[in-house]
Amino acid sequence: MDSLQLRKALSELNGQRDVRIEFATAHVLSMKRAFLIPQESDGLVKVSDGLKIFVLDAERVVWIEIG
């Protein structure tokens, strides 16, 4: 998956939905009320729960669960 595909997949995150992302390393990132940070000049894919910002490596994402 590339950054554009990941950004499209995460576009449903609006602060009202939860997300769980599993990476190729078998690590899991779970967030309540997650939202996708709009694209910035750095081109990185970022999500937040309002407390922390997480930068995602699109090539290492195995699957995403949005609930």
C-alpha atoms as a PDB file:
ATOM      1  CA  MET A   1       0.000   0.000   0.000  1.00  0.00           C
ATOM      2  CA  ASP A   2       1.311   3.490  -0.785  1.00  0.00           C
ATOM      3  CA  SER A   3       0.648   6.726   1.078  1.00  0.00           C
ATOM      4  CA  LEU A   4      -2.190   7.816  -1.219  1.00  0.00           C
ATOM      5  CA  GLN A   5      -4.007   4.493  -0.788  1.00  0.00           C
ATOM      6  CA  LEU A   6      -3.521   4.621   2.982  1.00  0.00           C
ATOM      7  CA  ARG A   7      -4.798   8.189   3.151  1.00  0.00           C
ATOM      8  CA  LYS A   8      -7.876   7.166   1.136  1.00  0.00           C
ATOM      9  CA  ALA A   9      -8.524   4.166   3.412  1.00  0.00           C
ATOM     10  CA  LEU A  10      -8.261   6.361   6.509  1.00  0.00           C
ATOM     11  CA  SER A  11     -10.384   9.177   5.073  1.00  0.00           C
ATOM     12  CA  GLU A  12     -13.415   7.906   7.038  1.00  0.00           C
ATOM     13  CA  LEU A  13     -11.710   8.771  10.323  1.00  0.00           C
ATOM     14  CA  ASN A  14     -13.444  11.932  11.500  1.00  0.00           C
ATOM     15  CA  GLY A  15     -12.992  11.809  15.266  1.00  0.00           C
ATOM     16  CA  GLN A  16     -16.110   9.712  15.797  1.00  0.00           C
ATOM     17  CA  ARG A  17     -14.781   6.297  14.796  1.00  0.00           C
ATOM     18  CA  ASP A  18     -12.224   3.924  16.274  1.00  0.00           C
ATOM     19  CA  VAL A  19      -9.376   2.405  14.280  1.00  0.00           C
ATOM     20  CA  ARG A  20      -7.086  -0.579  14.633  1.00  0.00           C
ATOM     21  CA  ILE A  21      -4.061  -0.867  12.354  1.00  0.00           C
ATOM     22  CA  GLU A  22      -1.797  -3.909  12.164  1.00  0.00           C
ATOM     23  CA  PHE A  23       1.703  -3.604  10.787  1.00  0.00           C
ATOM     24  CA  ALA A  24       3.932  -6.175   9.081  1.00  0.00           C
ATOM     25  CA  THR A  25       5.930  -6.425  12.299  1.00  0.00           C
ATOM     26  CA  ALA A  26       2.776  -7.725  14.061  1.00  0.00           C
ATOM     27  CA  HIS A  27       2.482  -4.539  16.134  1.00  0.00           C
ATOM     28  CA  VAL A  28      -1.023  -3.108  16.475  1.00  0.00           C
ATOM     29  CA  LEU A  29      -2.074   0.504  16.875  1.00  0.00           C
ATOM     30  CA  SER A  30      -5.563   0.997  18.353  1.00  0.00           C
ATOM     31  CA  MET A  31      -7.180   4.394  18.829  1.00  0.00           C
ATOM     32  CA  LYS A  32     -10.552   5.601  20.031  1.00  0.00           C
ATOM     33  CA  ARG A  33     -12.150   8.523  18.182  1.00  0.00           C
ATOM     34  CA  ALA A  34      -9.323   8.730  15.668  1.00  0.00           C
ATOM     35  CA  PHE A  35      -9.056  11.293  12.915  1.00  0.00           C
ATOM     36  CA  LEU A  36      -6.863  11.670   9.861  1.00  0.00           C
ATOM     37  CA  ILE A  37      -4.733  14.810   9.891  1.00  0.00           C
ATOM     38  CA  PRO A  38      -5.114  16.696   6.593  1.00  0.00           C
ATOM     39  CA  GLN A  39      -2.189  16.355   4.223  1.00  0.00           C
ATOM     40  CA  GLU A  40       0.687  18.671   5.057  1.00  0.00           C
ATOM     41  CA  SER A  41       3.721  19.748   3.051  1.00  0.00           C
ATOM     42  CA  ASP A  42       5.817  16.920   4.577  1.00  0.00           C
ATOM     43  CA  GLY A  43       3.644  14.321   2.764  1.00  0.00           C
ATOM     44  CA  LEU A  44       3.446  12.045   5.825  1.00  0.00           C
ATOM     45  CA  VAL A  45       0.267  10.150   6.742  1.00  0.00           C
ATOM     46  CA  LYS A  46      -0.692  11.118  10.286  1.00  0.00           C
ATOM     47  CA  VAL A  47      -3.587  10.129  12.527  1.00  0.00           C
ATOM     48  CA  SER A  48      -4.458  11.396  15.980  1.00  0.00           C
ATOM     49  CA  ASP A  49      -6.748  10.726  18.911  1.00  0.00           C
ATOM     50  CA  GLY A  50      -6.525  14.336  20.064  1.00  0.00           C
ATOM     51  CA  LEU A  51      -3.784  13.553  22.566  1.00  0.00           C
ATOM     52  CA  LYS A  52      -1.045  12.060  20.406  1.00  0.00           C
ATOM     53  CA  ILE A  53      -0.110  12.139  16.728  1.00  0.00           C
ATOM     54  CA  PHE A  54       0.990   8.930  15.011  1.00  0.00           C
ATOM     55  CA  VAL A  55       2.971   8.937  11.755  1.00  0.00           C
ATOM     56  CA  LEU A  56       2.235   5.831   9.672  1.00  0.00           C
ATOM     57  CA  ASP A  57       4.545   3.982   7.287  1.00  0.00           C
ATOM     58  CA  ALA A  58       2.129   3.008   4.513  1.00  0.00           C
ATOM     59  CA  GLU A  59       4.310   0.195   3.190  1.00  0.00           C
ATOM     60  CA  ARG A  60       4.221  -1.633   6.543  1.00  0.00           C
ATOM     61  CA  VAL A  61       0.443  -1.553   7.066  1.00  0.00           C
ATOM     62  CA  VAL A  62      -1.044  -5.053   6.732  1.00  0.00           C
ATOM     63  CA  TRP A  63      -4.688  -4.316   7.530  1.00  0.00           C
ATOM     64  CA  ILE A  64      -6.991  -1.655   8.963  1.00  0.00           C
ATOM     65  CA  GLU A  65     -10.204  -2.058  10.965  1.00  0.00           C
ATOM     66  CA  ILE A  66     -12.454   1.010  11.259  1.00  0.00           C
ATOM     67  CA  GLY A  67     -15.374   0.755  13.647  1.00  0.00           C
END
